[in-house]
């Protein structure tokens, strides 16, 4: 049997078919790569920040506002900036202590308490369905109240 007949016995189904090219693949690959790099970089940055913060806290000097500093022995150029000092900035904000506010205003009477803690109406969606079952609301009412909201999220799925 001649060799040329051996080659022709292969069926067309076993030959590999070319995979069609989709132009979104390189763009998606770049996005997925950058996303992975961003996650890794964020983790590394946070670990480095925590080490530097601990050093500033341990051996830095404080200013009149309570912020702490370490002066660098020489300027460190990075991009368009030149770093000369590290700062652990103290920030102060005023927040209400809810337990203390409740205790004090209740001690001044119900009227004072209600002024400080006004009742806030909230929608109980479960109760709406109870009202529907009791006949207090109609299906048409529920269709107006419970509306669909469509949102989209971009995700790359992995195996």
Protein backbone atom coordinates (compact mmCIF):
# COMPACT_ATOMS: atom_id res chain seq x y z
CA UNK A 1 0.00 0.00 0.00
CA UNK A 2 1.54 3.35 -1.00
CA UNK A 3 2.27 5.92 1.70
CA UNK A 4 0.10 8.57 0.11
CA UNK A 5 -3.00 6.49 0.88
CA UNK A 6 -2.10 6.31 4.59
CA UNK A 7 -2.21 10.07 4.91
CA UNK A 8 -5.58 10.34 3.24
CA UNK A 9 -7.25 7.92 5.68
CA UNK A 10 -7.42 10.54 8.47
CA UNK A 11 -10.98 11.73 8.96
CA UNK A 12 -11.69 15.47 8.73
CA UNK A 13 -13.23 15.45 12.26
CA UNK A 14 -9.89 14.66 13.96
CA UNK A 15 -8.05 17.59 12.41
CA UNK A 16 -7.79 20.56 14.79
CA UNK A 17 -10.02 23.45 13.88
CA UNK A 18 -8.69 26.97 14.24
CA UNK A 19 -9.99 28.80 17.28
CA UNK A 20 -11.71 32.03 16.24
CA UNK A 21 -10.03 35.17 17.56
CA UNK A 22 -12.08 37.48 19.74
CA UNK A 23 -10.52 40.95 20.05
CA UNK A 24 -11.74 41.31 23.64
CA UNK A 25 -9.40 38.54 24.86
CA UNK A 26 -6.17 40.60 24.97
CA UNK A 27 -8.01 43.48 26.66
CA UNK A 28 -9.57 41.18 29.25
CA UNK A 29 -6.24 39.41 29.84
CA UNK A 30 -4.58 42.77 30.52
CA UNK A 31 -7.42 43.78 32.88
CA UNK A 32 -7.20 40.48 34.80
CA UNK A 33 -3.42 40.79 35.06
CA UNK A 34 -3.62 44.38 36.31
CA UNK A 35 -6.32 43.41 38.81
CA UNK A 36 -4.12 40.64 40.22
CA UNK A 37 -1.12 42.99 40.35
CA UNK A 38 -3.22 45.66 42.07
CA UNK A 39 -4.33 43.20 44.73
CA UNK A 40 -0.74 42.10 45.33
CA UNK A 41 0.57 45.69 45.34
CA UNK A 42 -2.12 46.84 47.76
CA UNK A 43 -1.22 44.03 50.14
CA UNK A 44 2.50 44.81 49.90
CA UNK A 45 1.89 48.56 50.35
CA UNK A 46 -0.23 47.97 53.45
CA UNK A 47 2.43 45.73 55.02
CA UNK A 48 5.16 48.29 54.28
CA UNK A 49 2.98 51.13 55.58
CA UNK A 50 2.40 49.22 58.82
CA UNK A 51 6.15 48.67 59.30
CA UNK A 52 6.95 52.33 58.63
CA UNK A 53 4.10 53.48 60.89
CA UNK A 54 5.39 51.29 63.71
CA UNK A 55 8.86 52.81 63.29
CA UNK A 56 7.51 56.36 63.35
CA UNK A 57 5.41 55.55 66.41
CA UNK A 58 8.37 53.95 68.20
CA UNK A 59 11.07 56.51 67.49
CA UNK A 60 9.50 59.54 65.83
CA UNK A 61 9.17 63.00 67.38
CA UNK A 62 5.81 64.70 67.92
CA UNK A 63 4.63 68.20 67.06
CA UNK A 64 2.21 70.38 69.06
CA UNK A 65 -0.82 68.68 67.44
CA UNK A 66 0.35 65.16 68.30
CA UNK A 67 1.45 64.09 64.81
CA UNK A 68 4.68 62.10 64.72
CA UNK A 69 7.63 62.43 62.33
CA UNK A 70 10.88 60.90 61.25
CA UNK A 71 13.19 63.13 59.24
CA UNK A 72 14.91 61.21 56.45
CA UNK A 73 18.74 61.51 56.40
CA UNK A 74 18.61 62.44 52.71
CA UNK A 75 15.86 63.25 50.18
CA UNK A 76 14.32 60.21 48.47
CA UNK A 77 13.25 61.05 44.91
CA UNK A 78 10.25 59.06 43.63
CA UNK A 79 8.57 60.13 40.41
CA UNK A 80 7.93 63.86 40.49
CA UNK A 81 8.24 64.04 44.28
CA UNK A 82 11.13 64.15 46.71
CA UNK A 83 10.41 62.76 50.18
CA UNK A 84 12.20 64.40 53.09
CA UNK A 85 10.08 63.28 56.09
CA UNK A 86 7.65 60.57 57.17
CA UNK A 87 4.53 61.70 59.02
CA UNK A 88 2.10 59.73 61.17
CA UNK A 89 -0.68 62.27 61.19
CA UNK A 90 -2.93 62.56 64.22
CA UNK A 91 -6.55 63.20 63.32
CA UNK A 92 -9.25 63.95 65.87
CA UNK A 93 -12.97 63.89 65.26
CA UNK A 94 -15.91 64.37 67.56
CA UNK A 95 -18.35 61.45 67.74
CA UNK A 96 -21.39 60.98 69.91
CA UNK A 97 -21.33 58.28 72.58
CA UNK A 98 -24.81 56.87 72.01
CA UNK A 99 -25.00 55.10 75.37
CA UNK A 100 -24.10 58.30 77.25
CA UNK A 101 -26.52 60.37 75.15
CA UNK A 102 -29.34 57.93 75.78
CA UNK A 103 -28.63 57.73 79.51
CA UNK A 104 -28.39 61.51 79.97
CA UNK A 105 -31.37 62.50 77.81
CA UNK A 106 -33.61 59.81 79.38
CA UNK A 107 -32.63 61.23 82.75
CA UNK A 108 -33.96 64.64 81.65
CA UNK A 109 -37.39 63.24 80.72
CA UNK A 110 -39.24 61.68 77.81
CA UNK A 111 -39.64 64.96 75.91
CA UNK A 112 -35.88 65.65 75.93
CA UNK A 113 -35.16 62.02 75.03
CA UNK A 114 -37.57 62.11 72.04
CA UNK A 115 -36.01 65.35 70.79
CA UNK A 116 -32.57 63.75 70.86
CA UNK A 117 -33.80 60.34 69.64
CA UNK A 118 -36.77 60.99 67.35
CA UNK A 119 -38.63 57.91 66.13
CA UNK A 120 -37.54 57.20 62.58
CA UNK A 121 -40.04 55.54 60.26
CA UNK A 122 -38.61 52.48 58.54
CA UNK A 123 -40.22 50.26 55.96
CA UNK A 124 -40.79 46.67 57.03
CA UNK A 125 -40.99 44.82 53.70
CA UNK A 126 -42.09 41.62 55.42
CA UNK A 127 -45.02 43.47 56.95
CA UNK A 128 -46.07 44.61 53.47
CA UNK A 129 -46.55 40.97 52.49
CA UNK A 130 -48.56 40.35 55.68
CA UNK A 131 -50.77 43.33 54.76
CA UNK A 132 -51.20 41.86 51.27
CA UNK A 133 -52.24 38.51 52.74
CA UNK A 134 -54.69 40.25 55.07
CA UNK A 135 -56.24 42.09 52.11
CA UNK A 136 -55.14 45.54 53.31
CA UNK A 137 -52.93 45.94 50.21
CA UNK A 138 -53.61 44.74 46.67
CA UNK A 139 -51.32 43.09 44.13
CA UNK A 140 -51.41 46.39 42.20
CA UNK A 141 -50.27 48.22 45.34
CA UNK A 142 -47.42 45.73 45.77
CA UNK A 143 -46.40 46.11 42.12
CA UNK A 144 -46.01 49.85 42.70
CA UNK A 145 -44.16 49.41 45.99
CA UNK A 146 -41.86 46.50 45.17
CA UNK A 147 -40.13 47.52 41.95
CA UNK A 148 -37.25 45.82 40.19
CA UNK A 149 -33.90 47.55 40.27
CA UNK A 150 -31.31 46.39 37.79
CA UNK A 151 -27.60 46.74 38.48
CA UNK A 152 -24.57 45.33 36.70
CA UNK A 153 -21.25 44.10 38.00
CA UNK A 154 -18.17 43.29 35.94
CA UNK A 155 -16.44 40.09 37.00
CA UNK A 156 -13.97 37.72 35.50
CA UNK A 157 -14.84 34.17 36.46
CA UNK A 158 -12.16 31.63 37.29
CA UNK A 159 -12.23 27.86 37.38
